[in-house]
């Protein structure tokens, strides 16, 4: 087997049979020679857009399976040692699968509802402006990633086996395209079925999954976690505990702090979501008026270093959703939070992206008396102000993009994908100066980097505040166990150790492996 690199037009690359015939013809291979696409990426750097392909050529060799992960080969663990996992997001679910693979029984406790039942609560947020504090875009089976773009690209290649995570997703129903595309994604319309399939595997192999089960107490003995208590008063004992509650479980951070379990404030990022008509981004990136039917909705990645009052901070795009929607991501009433999502086809007429400012510990000094919870309080105050300024519903504050950079309140707003609606607001009254002034500078810079980006056809929508956790739950770098509480393994985004579906999933697997290394047979 060898790999051949080829460059095709989008139209040529769209037809997989054409691609394989092209390779066979150019290499003088027989018609029945085995050929398979290995990697695929779009290159829009030159005047004409091309698709770069890496193709595996097997000739007459047997073609190996692309997927080696087997659900059928997993052991049954109903009578095995138990690990309680708090949170059924990607970190928790992949930790559960890895524990089963290693012969231990996972017990998943999820405060929210199953992935199908969550939909009714999401509809209530969008249509009735009602926020269920236990079931929303952040809480529930699959976590915040379930109803999102389903991006599977990560730079965290040293943290685990990315290819393995993709294999497991394919084994549970994802398209094999995610193993080929340079920037793979699944789409919010397809992720729920995959999440449900993973849950079914966990239960079939002897694990447990409990929904509407909120952990409200930690039971410690001699600095060891021995059990957790739920809101209903149930006690769950186990050999070890994986805490994978996500970046928005504020009550868990407060519970840890009040119980005397060490946590610490950490930097995060906060800003707005900017929404353009998709055709504007396509025209900038593809350098044409119409991308046609073969090119996908285009995306972008932007970064700018700003200086304000003698301090340098980065401003960068985050979770860019081509052909997507802006959604309300509040986890309680009295706050407005926005996020982005895309269906698998990315066929909305809008493009949106978080544009956020790095928030360092010294930026939180106004709340210094709160110690490790100071970043959380900064988040809360900005989200509450957004709720107040926009009318005390899930209507979001917004401002046209050039108007924002020039300090003008917009007379009207553009059409939007955000279902609860927008209200024209001076966003400087929502965001603190160290955020708003840096955003202004960055948007002007972005307009120079991408001609046409800075336009009043685009608008900013606030606030994008849940980019990552403002709290870190410290753990040993090697064992991944909490630095002072034994048998507790902080995990994923909420603990401060991941930033997306794949990195969270890899962290979940690593925590499962370290539990066995520390507390398995012979230890």
Protein backbone atom coordinates (compact mmCIF):
# COMPACT_ATOMS: atom_id res chain seq x y z
CA UNK A 1 0.00 0.00 0.00
CA UNK A 2 1.14 3.54 -0.70
CA UNK A 3 -0.45 6.99 -0.54
CA UNK A 4 -0.88 9.19 -3.60
CA UNK A 5 -1.59 12.91 -3.31
CA UNK A 6 -3.81 14.49 -5.97
CA UNK A 7 -5.42 17.89 -6.53
CA UNK A 8 -8.88 18.14 -8.10
CA UNK A 9 -11.56 20.73 -8.67
CA UNK A 10 -14.45 20.69 -6.16
CA UNK A 11 -16.72 19.24 -8.86
CA UNK A 12 -14.29 16.41 -9.58
CA UNK A 13 -13.67 15.69 -5.91
CA UNK A 14 -17.40 15.64 -5.12
CA UNK A 15 -17.80 12.39 -7.10
CA UNK A 16 -15.91 9.68 -5.21
CA UNK A 17 -16.07 7.23 -8.10
CA UNK A 18 -14.51 9.86 -10.36
CA UNK A 19 -11.70 10.31 -7.83
CA UNK A 20 -10.92 6.59 -7.71
CA UNK A 21 -11.08 6.23 -11.49
CA UNK A 22 -8.77 9.25 -11.83
CA UNK A 23 -6.18 7.60 -9.57
CA UNK A 24 -6.38 4.24 -11.34
CA UNK A 25 -6.06 5.86 -14.76
CA UNK A 26 -3.14 8.13 -13.85
CA UNK A 27 -1.22 5.34 -12.14
CA UNK A 28 -1.96 2.77 -14.82
CA UNK A 29 -3.77 0.49 -12.38
CA UNK A 30 -6.23 -2.24 -13.26
CA UNK A 31 -9.94 -1.40 -13.07
CA UNK A 32 -10.43 -3.61 -10.03
CA UNK A 33 -7.41 -2.25 -8.13
CA UNK A 34 -8.36 -1.23 -4.61
CA UNK A 35 -8.17 2.50 -3.97
CA UNK A 36 -9.56 4.46 -0.99
CA UNK A 37 -9.66 8.14 0.00
CA UNK A 38 -7.47 8.68 3.08
CA UNK A 39 -7.63 12.45 3.73
CA UNK A 40 -9.50 15.38 2.15
CA UNK A 41 -9.11 19.14 2.57
CA UNK A 42 -10.21 22.29 0.76
CA UNK A 43 -7.51 24.77 -0.27
CA UNK A 44 -8.79 28.29 -0.99
CA UNK A 45 -5.43 30.06 -0.81
CA UNK A 46 -4.98 30.55 -4.56
CA UNK A 47 -7.28 32.21 -7.10
CA UNK A 48 -9.23 29.03 -7.77
CA UNK A 49 -10.39 26.72 -4.98
CA UNK A 50 -9.11 23.15 -5.14
CA UNK A 51 -9.54 19.97 -3.12
CA UNK A 52 -6.40 18.21 -1.93
CA UNK A 53 -6.72 14.46 -1.50
CA UNK A 54 -4.54 11.73 -0.11
CA UNK A 55 -5.57 8.41 -1.63
CA UNK A 56 -4.54 4.98 -0.38
CA UNK A 57 -3.58 2.65 -3.22
CA UNK A 58 -3.73 -1.06 -2.34
CA UNK A 59 -3.57 -2.57 -5.81
CA UNK A 60 -4.41 -6.24 -5.40
CA UNK A 61 -3.63 -6.25 -1.66
CA UNK A 62 -6.53 -6.88 0.74
CA UNK A 63 -8.03 -3.63 1.99
CA UNK A 64 -7.91 -3.35 5.79
CA UNK A 65 -10.94 -2.16 7.71
CA UNK A 66 -10.98 1.55 8.35
CA UNK A 67 -12.74 0.87 11.66
CA UNK A 68 -11.13 -1.55 14.14
CA UNK A 69 -13.19 -0.67 17.21
CA UNK A 70 -15.79 -3.37 17.93
CA UNK A 71 -18.83 -2.92 20.17
CA UNK A 72 -19.41 -6.70 20.10
CA UNK A 73 -16.03 -7.39 21.67
CA UNK A 74 -16.67 -5.29 24.77
CA UNK A 75 -17.01 -7.37 27.96
CA UNK A 76 -20.08 -7.44 30.19
CA UNK A 77 -19.40 -5.62 33.44
CA UNK A 78 -22.64 -5.73 35.45
CA UNK A 79 -20.90 -7.52 38.36
CA UNK A 80 -17.58 -5.68 38.14
CA UNK A 81 -16.03 -2.97 40.30
CA UNK A 82 -17.90 0.33 40.05
CA UNK A 83 -16.88 3.84 39.07
CA UNK A 84 -19.37 6.68 39.41
CA UNK A 85 -19.20 9.23 36.59
CA UNK A 86 -20.89 12.57 37.25
CA UNK A 87 -21.96 14.06 33.93
CA UNK A 88 -22.95 12.39 30.65
CA UNK A 89 -21.15 14.70 28.23
CA UNK A 90 -18.39 13.43 25.90
CA UNK A 91 -15.87 13.14 28.76
CA UNK A 92 -18.26 11.10 30.87
CA UNK A 93 -19.59 8.89 28.08
CA UNK A 94 -16.16 8.04 26.67
CA UNK A 95 -14.85 7.40 30.18
CA UNK A 96 -17.73 4.94 30.59
CA UNK A 97 -16.94 3.13 27.34
CA UNK A 98 -13.25 2.86 28.26
CA UNK A 99 -14.07 1.53 31.73
CA UNK A 100 -16.23 -1.18 30.15
CA UNK A 101 -13.42 -2.02 27.76
CA UNK A 102 -11.11 -2.41 30.76
CA UNK A 103 -13.62 -4.56 32.66
CA UNK A 104 -15.09 -2.08 35.17
CA UNK A 105 -18.70 -0.99 35.61
CA UNK A 106 -19.55 2.69 34.99
CA UNK A 107 -22.50 4.34 36.71
CA UNK A 108 -23.34 7.57 34.90
CA UNK A 109 -25.27 10.20 36.85
CA UNK A 110 -26.70 12.97 34.65
CA UNK A 111 -28.64 15.91 36.11
CA UNK A 112 -30.49 16.51 32.83
CA UNK A 113 -32.76 14.49 30.59
CA UNK A 114 -32.03 11.97 27.86
CA UNK A 115 -31.16 13.38 24.46
CA UNK A 116 -34.66 13.01 23.03
CA UNK A 117 -36.50 14.51 26.01
CA UNK A 118 -34.14 17.54 25.98
CA UNK A 119 -35.70 18.73 22.73
CA UNK A 120 -38.90 19.87 24.43
CA UNK A 121 -36.94 22.04 26.85
CA UNK A 122 -34.90 23.53 24.00
CA UNK A 123 -38.13 24.39 22.23
CA UNK A 124 -39.37 26.13 25.39
CA UNK A 125 -36.24 28.29 25.55
CA UNK A 126 -36.56 29.29 21.90
CA UNK A 127 -40.31 29.85 21.74
CA UNK A 128 -41.46 30.61 25.28
CA UNK A 129 -38.22 32.05 26.74
CA UNK A 130 -38.45 29.48 29.57
CA UNK A 131 -35.16 28.10 30.90
CA UNK A 132 -35.19 24.70 32.60
CA UNK A 133 -32.16 24.88 34.89
CA UNK A 134 -31.59 21.11 34.62
CA UNK A 135 -32.35 20.53 30.93
CA UNK A 136 -31.12 23.02 28.34
CA UNK A 137 -28.45 23.46 25.66
CA UNK A 138 -25.73 22.81 28.28
CA UNK A 139 -27.25 20.16 30.58
CA UNK A 140 -28.54 16.76 29.52
CA UNK A 141 -27.34 13.63 27.75
CA UNK A 142 -24.35 14.37 25.53
CA UNK A 143 -23.64 17.67 27.27
CA UNK A 144 -23.24 21.02 25.55
CA UNK A 145 -21.77 19.36 22.44
CA UNK A 146 -24.92 17.43 21.53
CA UNK A 147 -26.85 20.38 20.13
CA UNK A 148 -23.90 22.10 18.52
CA UNK A 149 -21.95 21.93 15.30
CA UNK A 150 -20.39 18.66 16.39
CA UNK A 151 -16.86 19.83 15.52
CA UNK A 152 -14.33 17.04 15.89
CA UNK A 153 -11.16 18.97 15.12
CA UNK A 154 -8.68 19.34 17.95
CA UNK A 155 -5.07 20.39 18.41
CA UNK A 156 -4.77 18.23 21.55
CA UNK A 157 -2.95 15.45 19.70
CA UNK A 158 -0.63 14.64 22.60
CA UNK A 159 -3.54 13.90 24.96
CA UNK A 160 -4.72 10.70 23.36
CA UNK A 161 -5.64 8.82 20.20
CA UNK A 162 -7.84 11.10 18.09
CA UNK A 163 -8.31 8.40 15.45
CA UNK A 164 -9.67 6.03 18.11
CA UNK A 165 -12.28 8.58 19.23
CA UNK A 166 -13.43 8.99 15.63
CA UNK A 167 -13.58 5.20 15.21
CA UNK A 168 -15.85 4.89 18.24
CA UNK A 169 -18.17 7.59 16.87
CA UNK A 170 -18.33 5.80 13.50
CA UNK A 171 -19.04 2.49 15.26
CA UNK A 172 -22.03 4.23 16.87
CA UNK A 173 -23.45 5.66 13.65
CA UNK A 174 -21.32 8.59 12.49
CA UNK A 175 -20.32 8.80 8.82
CA UNK A 176 -16.84 7.55 7.89
CA UNK A 177 -16.30 11.00 6.37
CA UNK A 178 -15.21 12.21 9.81
CA UNK A 179 -12.11 10.05 9.45
CA UNK A 180 -11.28 11.60 6.08
CA UNK A 181 -12.07 15.32 6.33
CA UNK A 182 -9.36 17.69 7.59
CA UNK A 183 -11.91 19.51 9.79
CA UNK A 184 -14.56 16.88 10.53
CA UNK A 185 -17.94 17.62 12.02
CA UNK A 186 -21.14 15.63 12.56
CA UNK A 187 -23.92 18.21 12.84
CA UNK A 188 -26.55 18.89 15.47
CA UNK A 189 -29.19 16.90 13.56
CA UNK A 190 -27.13 13.69 13.63
CA UNK A 191 -25.35 13.84 16.98
CA UNK A 192 -28.38 12.90 19.13
CA UNK A 193 -28.74 9.45 17.51
CA UNK A 194 -25.04 8.77 18.00
CA UNK A 195 -25.23 9.82 21.66
CA UNK A 196 -28.24 7.55 22.16
CA UNK A 197 -26.35 4.66 20.55
CA UNK A 198 -23.41 5.15 22.94
CA UNK A 199 -25.80 5.10 25.89
CA UNK A 200 -27.35 1.87 24.61
CA UNK A 201 -23.88 0.28 24.41
CA UNK A 202 -23.11 1.31 28.00
CA UNK A 203 -26.37 -0.22 29.29
CA UNK A 204 -26.16 -3.34 27.13
CA UNK A 205 -22.70 -4.12 28.49
CA UNK A 206 -23.80 -3.80 32.11
CA UNK A 207 -23.22 -0.13 32.91
CA UNK A 208 -25.88 2.17 34.35
CA UNK A 209 -27.14 5.55 33.14
CA UNK A 210 -29.38 7.62 35.42
CA UNK A 211 -31.05 10.79 34.12
CA UNK A 212 -32.65 13.55 36.21
CA UNK A 213 -30.08 12.65 38.87
CA UNK A 214 -28.40 15.69 40.33
CA UNK A 215 -25.42 15.27 42.66
CA UNK A 216 -25.76 17.59 45.66
CA UNK A 217 -23.23 16.17 48.12
CA UNK A 218 -19.80 14.58 48.33
CA UNK A 219 -19.08 12.12 51.13
CA UNK A 220 -15.43 12.09 52.21
CA UNK A 221 -13.48 9.97 54.68
CA UNK A 222 -9.86 10.82 55.49
CA UNK A 223 -9.50 12.95 52.35
CA UNK A 224 -10.88 10.18 50.15
CA UNK A 225 -14.09 10.37 48.11
CA UNK A 226 -16.24 7.46 49.29
CA UNK A 227 -19.69 8.29 47.90
CA UNK A 228 -21.91 10.96 46.36
CA UNK A 229 -25.39 12.00 47.40
CA UNK A 230 -28.15 13.00 44.98
CA UNK A 231 -30.95 15.51 45.35
CA UNK A 232 -33.37 12.64 46.03
CA UNK A 233 -31.20 11.44 48.92
CA UNK A 234 -29.73 8.40 47.17
CA UNK A 235 -26.14 7.41 47.98
CA UNK A 236 -23.80 6.01 45.31
CA UNK A 237 -20.65 4.25 46.52
CA UNK A 238 -17.80 3.29 44.19
CA UNK A 239 -14.09 2.55 43.92
CA UNK A 240 -13.52 5.94 42.27
CA UNK A 241 -15.37 8.99 40.96
CA UNK A 242 -14.96 10.87 37.69
CA UNK A 243 -16.23 14.46 37.83
CA UNK A 244 -17.16 15.43 34.26
CA UNK A 245 -19.89 18.02 34.72
CA UNK A 246 -18.98 20.52 31.98
CA UNK A 247 -18.14 24.21 32.10
CA UNK A 248 -21.56 25.45 33.20
CA UNK A 249 -22.20 23.38 36.35
CA UNK A 250 -21.74 26.33 38.69
CA UNK A 251 -23.43 24.62 41.61
CA UNK A 252 -20.79 21.85 41.45
CA UNK A 253 -17.96 24.38 41.66
CA UNK A 254 -19.66 25.95 44.68
CA UNK A 255 -20.27 22.52 46.24
CA UNK A 256 -16.61 21.56 45.84
CA UNK A 257 -15.51 24.86 47.40
CA UNK A 258 -17.96 24.57 50.32
CA UNK A 259 -16.94 20.94 50.94
CA UNK A 260 -13.30 21.98 51.22
CA UNK A 261 -12.17 20.29 47.99
CA UNK A 262 -9.52 22.46 46.37
CA UNK A 263 -10.47 24.42 43.25
CA UNK A 264 -8.84 27.45 41.66
CA UNK A 265 -9.77 30.32 39.36
CA UNK A 266 -8.41 30.05 35.82
CA UNK A 267 -8.30 32.27 32.73
CA UNK A 268 -11.11 31.90 30.20
CA UNK A 269 -12.53 33.96 27.33
CA UNK A 270 -15.64 36.08 26.93
CA UNK A 271 -17.21 38.18 24.19
CA UNK A 272 -20.00 38.07 21.64
CA UNK A 273 -21.21 36.00 18.71
CA UNK A 274 -21.01 37.71 15.32
CA UNK A 275 -23.45 36.73 12.58
CA UNK A 276 -22.95 37.37 8.84
CA UNK A 277 -24.99 36.31 5.85
CA UNK A 278 -23.17 33.15 4.74
CA UNK A 279 -22.75 34.46 1.19
CA UNK A 280 -20.50 37.26 2.48
CA UNK A 281 -18.09 34.80 4.11
CA UNK A 282 -18.21 32.56 1.02
CA UNK A 283 -17.35 35.48 -1.24
CA UNK A 284 -14.41 36.51 0.95
CA UNK A 285 -13.00 33.01 1.35
CA UNK A 286 -13.72 31.50 -2.05
CA UNK A 287 -13.23 34.76 -4.00
CA UNK A 288 -16.39 34.24 -6.03
CA UNK A 289 -20.00 35.43 -5.94
CA UNK A 290 -21.50 31.93 -5.85
CA UNK A 291 -19.78 28.92 -4.28
CA UNK A 292 -22.01 26.54 -6.26
CA UNK A 293 -23.22 23.15 -5.14
CA UNK A 294 -19.87 21.40 -4.63
CA UNK A 295 -18.19 23.67 -2.10
CA UNK A 296 -19.36 23.63 1.53
CA UNK A 297 -20.30 26.78 3.45
CA UNK A 298 -16.96 28.43 4.18
CA UNK A 299 -15.52 29.13 7.59
CA UNK A 300 -12.77 31.31 9.01
CA UNK A 301 -10.34 31.56 11.92
CA UNK A 302 -9.17 34.96 13.15
CA UNK A 303 -6.92 36.25 15.90
CA UNK A 304 -5.65 39.68 16.90
CA UNK A 305 -3.45 40.90 19.76
CA UNK A 306 -4.91 43.99 21.43
CA UNK A 307 -3.48 46.53 23.88
CA UNK A 308 -5.73 48.28 26.39
CA UNK A 309 -4.53 50.21 29.43
CA UNK A 310 -1.08 48.72 29.07
CA UNK A 311 -2.24 45.10 28.99
CA UNK A 312 -2.03 42.82 25.98
CA UNK A 313 -4.85 40.34 25.39
CA UNK A 314 -5.72 38.10 22.47
CA UNK A 315 -9.07 38.34 20.68
CA UNK A 316 -9.96 35.31 18.60
CA UNK A 317 -12.76 33.51 16.77
CA UNK A 318 -14.24 30.57 18.65
CA UNK A 319 -16.59 27.76 17.57
CA UNK A 320 -17.19 29.15 14.07
CA UNK A 321 -20.44 27.73 12.65
CA UNK A 322 -20.76 28.05 8.85
CA UNK A 323 -24.32 27.62 7.62
CA UNK A 324 -25.46 27.65 11.23
CA UNK A 325 -27.70 29.16 13.89
CA UNK A 326 -27.24 31.14 17.08
CA UNK A 327 -28.96 29.47 20.04
CA UNK A 328 -29.85 30.49 23.63
CA UNK A 329 -27.56 28.68 26.08
CA UNK A 330 -28.61 30.05 29.45
CA UNK A 331 -28.72 27.52 32.30
CA UNK A 332 -30.97 29.55 34.58
CA UNK A 333 -33.47 32.37 34.37
CA UNK A 334 -32.09 35.87 34.75
CA UNK A 335 -29.26 35.48 32.25
CA UNK A 336 -28.71 35.61 28.49
CA UNK A 337 -26.01 33.39 26.98
CA UNK A 338 -25.56 32.56 23.29
CA UNK A 339 -23.76 29.82 21.42
CA UNK A 340 -23.62 28.50 17.85
CA UNK A 341 -24.67 25.27 16.15
CA UNK A 342 -24.87 23.86 12.62
CA UNK A 343 -26.77 21.00 11.00
CA UNK A 344 -24.69 18.40 9.14
CA UNK A 345 -25.41 20.03 5.77
CA UNK A 346 -24.49 23.49 7.07
CA UNK A 347 -27.19 24.89 4.84
CA UNK A 348 -28.47 27.86 6.86
CA UNK A 349 -28.11 31.24 5.13
CA UNK A 350 -26.17 32.53 8.13
CA UNK A 351 -22.61 32.15 9.38
CA UNK A 352 -21.80 32.82 13.02
CA UNK A 353 -18.77 32.67 15.25
CA UNK A 354 -17.84 33.55 18.79
CA UNK A 355 -15.42 36.46 18.91
CA UNK A 356 -13.97 36.43 22.39
CA UNK A 357 -11.35 38.18 24.50
CA UNK A 358 -8.88 36.35 26.71
CA UNK A 359 -9.73 37.05 30.37
CA UNK A 360 -6.76 36.69 32.71
CA UNK A 361 -6.82 36.38 36.50
CA UNK A 362 -5.83 40.03 36.97
CA UNK A 363 -8.95 41.06 35.00
CA UNK A 364 -11.11 39.51 37.74
CA UNK A 365 -9.71 41.44 40.69
CA UNK A 366 -13.02 43.27 41.24
CA UNK A 367 -14.26 39.92 42.59
CA UNK A 368 -11.05 38.93 44.41
CA UNK A 369 -12.88 38.33 47.71
CA UNK A 370 -14.60 35.31 46.09
CA UNK A 371 -11.28 33.55 45.65
CA UNK A 372 -11.50 30.64 43.18
CA UNK A 373 -15.08 31.62 42.21
CA UNK A 374 -14.18 35.13 41.05
CA UNK A 375 -14.26 34.31 37.32
CA UNK A 376 -17.61 32.62 37.73
CA UNK A 377 -19.01 35.79 39.32
CA UNK A 378 -17.70 37.92 36.45
CA UNK A 379 -19.51 35.63 34.00
CA UNK A 380 -22.73 35.80 36.01
CA UNK A 381 -22.77 39.59 36.20
CA UNK A 382 -22.27 40.10 32.47
CA UNK A 383 -24.91 37.48 31.59
CA UNK A 384 -27.39 39.11 33.98
CA UNK A 385 -26.71 42.54 32.51
CA UNK A 386 -27.38 41.16 29.00
CA UNK A 387 -30.71 39.81 30.28
CA UNK A 388 -31.66 43.15 31.83
CA UNK A 389 -30.69 45.31 28.83
CA UNK A 390 -32.52 43.13 26.32
CA UNK A 391 -35.84 43.06 28.20
CA UNK A 392 -35.51 40.34 30.86
CA UNK A 393 -36.39 37.47 28.54
CA UNK A 394 -34.24 35.28 26.27
CA UNK A 395 -34.26 38.08 23.69
CA UNK A 396 -30.57 38.87 23.18
CA UNK A 397 -28.86 42.28 23.03
CA UNK A 398 -27.42 43.03 19.58
CA UNK A 399 -25.76 45.75 17.52
CA UNK A 400 -24.75 46.03 13.88
CA UNK A 401 -21.03 45.47 13.47
CA UNK A 402 -19.83 48.84 12.15
CA UNK A 403 -22.20 50.60 14.55
CA UNK A 404 -20.52 48.77 17.42
CA UNK A 405 -17.02 49.76 16.33
CA UNK A 406 -18.17 53.40 16.00
CA UNK A 407 -20.13 53.51 19.27
CA UNK A 408 -23.53 53.99 17.61
CA UNK A 409 -26.76 52.33 18.74
CA UNK A 410 -28.23 50.58 15.69
CA UNK A 411 -31.52 52.06 14.42
CA UNK A 412 -32.58 48.58 13.35
CA UNK A 413 -31.14 45.08 13.20
CA UNK A 414 -30.63 42.58 10.41
CA UNK A 415 -32.51 39.30 10.07
CA UNK A 416 -31.14 36.65 12.38
CA UNK A 417 -31.08 32.91 12.99
CA UNK A 418 -31.57 33.51 16.73
CA UNK A 419 -35.14 32.36 17.39
CA UNK A 420 -35.94 34.22 20.64
CA UNK A 421 -35.23 37.49 18.83
CA UNK A 422 -32.88 40.44 19.21
CA UNK A 423 -33.07 43.90 20.74
CA UNK A 424 -30.91 46.82 19.62
CA UNK A 425 -28.66 47.70 22.55
CA UNK A 426 -25.42 49.60 23.05
CA UNK A 427 -23.21 46.58 23.77
CA UNK A 428 -20.79 48.79 25.69
CA UNK A 429 -23.49 48.92 28.39
CA UNK A 430 -23.42 45.12 28.60
CA UNK A 431 -19.70 44.38 28.35
CA UNK A 432 -16.98 45.79 30.60
CA UNK A 433 -14.55 48.22 28.94
CA UNK A 434 -11.67 45.77 28.87
CA UNK A 435 -13.84 43.46 26.73
CA UNK A 436 -15.72 45.95 24.51
CA UNK A 437 -12.72 48.12 23.61
CA UNK A 438 -10.65 45.12 22.63
CA UNK A 439 -13.50 43.74 20.54
CA UNK A 440 -13.78 47.05 18.68
CA UNK A 441 -10.08 47.04 17.85
CA UNK A 442 -10.19 43.40 16.78
CA UNK A 443 -13.18 43.81 14.47
CA UNK A 444 -11.45 46.66 12.65
CA UNK A 445 -8.36 44.46 12.28
CA UNK A 446 -10.45 41.52 11.05
CA UNK A 447 -12.02 43.80 8.45
CA UNK A 448 -8.54 44.50 7.07
CA UNK A 449 -7.59 40.82 7.03
CA UNK A 450 -10.88 39.76 5.38
CA UNK A 451 -12.10 42.50 3.03
CA UNK A 452 -15.88 42.73 3.45
CA UNK A 453 -15.98 41.21 6.95
CA UNK A 454 -16.50 44.56 8.69
CA UNK A 455 -19.99 45.43 7.49
CA UNK A 456 -23.31 46.52 8.90
CA UNK A 457 -24.89 43.52 7.18
CA UNK A 458 -23.31 41.65 10.11
CA UNK A 459 -24.25 42.08 13.75
CA UNK A 460 -22.96 41.05 17.15
CA UNK A 461 -25.18 39.17 19.58
CA UNK A 462 -24.43 38.90 23.29
CA UNK A 463 -23.09 37.29 25.21
CA UNK A 464 -20.67 34.47 24.36
CA UNK A 465 -19.52 33.70 27.89
CA UNK A 466 -19.30 29.90 28.19
CA UNK A 467 -16.24 29.29 26.03
CA UNK A 468 -14.55 27.36 28.81
CA UNK A 469 -14.66 26.92 32.54
CA UNK A 470 -13.57 29.87 34.73
CA UNK A 471 -12.56 27.28 37.34
CA UNK A 472 -9.92 24.57 37.33
CA UNK A 473 -10.15 21.53 39.58
CA UNK A 474 -6.46 20.74 40.12
CA UNK A 475 -5.20 17.21 39.61
CA UNK A 476 -1.89 15.37 39.48
CA UNK A 477 -0.33 15.66 36.03
CA UNK A 478 0.45 11.96 35.81
CA UNK A 479 -2.24 10.14 37.82
CA UNK A 480 -5.01 12.67 37.00
CA UNK A 481 -6.28 12.25 40.56
CA UNK A 482 -7.29 15.36 42.50
CA UNK A 483 -4.29 16.88 44.27
CA UNK A 484 -5.75 16.48 47.77
CA UNK A 485 -8.88 14.30 47.51
CA UNK A 486 -8.14 10.68 46.68
CA UNK A 487 -10.35 8.63 44.34
CA UNK A 488 -11.68 11.84 42.72
CA UNK A 489 -10.72 12.38 39.08
CA UNK A 490 -11.60 15.84 37.68
CA UNK A 491 -12.21 15.46 33.97
CA UNK A 492 -13.02 17.34 30.76
CA UNK A 493 -14.01 20.94 30.09
CA UNK A 494 -15.60 21.63 33.45
CA UNK A 495 -12.43 20.67 35.29
CA UNK A 496 -10.33 22.82 32.96
CA UNK A 497 -8.64 20.06 30.94
CA UNK A 498 -10.39 20.00 27.57
CA UNK A 499 -11.92 22.27 24.96
CA UNK A 500 -14.32 20.42 22.70
CA UNK A 501 -15.86 17.02 21.99
CA UNK A 502 -12.71 15.15 21.00
CA UNK A 503 -10.36 16.55 23.66
CA UNK A 504 -13.02 15.91 26.33
CA UNK A 505 -13.53 12.36 25.09
CA UNK A 506 -9.79 11.68 25.17
CA UNK A 507 -9.58 13.10 28.68
CA UNK A 508 -12.41 10.81 29.77
CA UNK A 509 -10.52 7.80 28.46
CA UNK A 510 -7.32 8.86 30.21
CA UNK A 511 -9.12 9.24 33.55
CA UNK A 512 -10.62 5.77 33.19
CA UNK A 513 -7.19 4.30 32.49
CA UNK A 514 -5.61 6.04 35.47
CA UNK A 515 -8.30 4.74 37.82
CA UNK A 516 -7.31 1.19 36.91
CA UNK A 517 -3.63 2.05 37.19
CA UNK A 518 -4.15 3.33 40.76
CA UNK A 519 -6.97 1.16 42.07
CA UNK A 520 -7.03 -1.92 39.86
CA UNK A 521 -5.98 -5.43 40.80
CA UNK A 522 -2.64 -5.55 42.59
CA UNK A 523 -2.62 -1.86 43.52
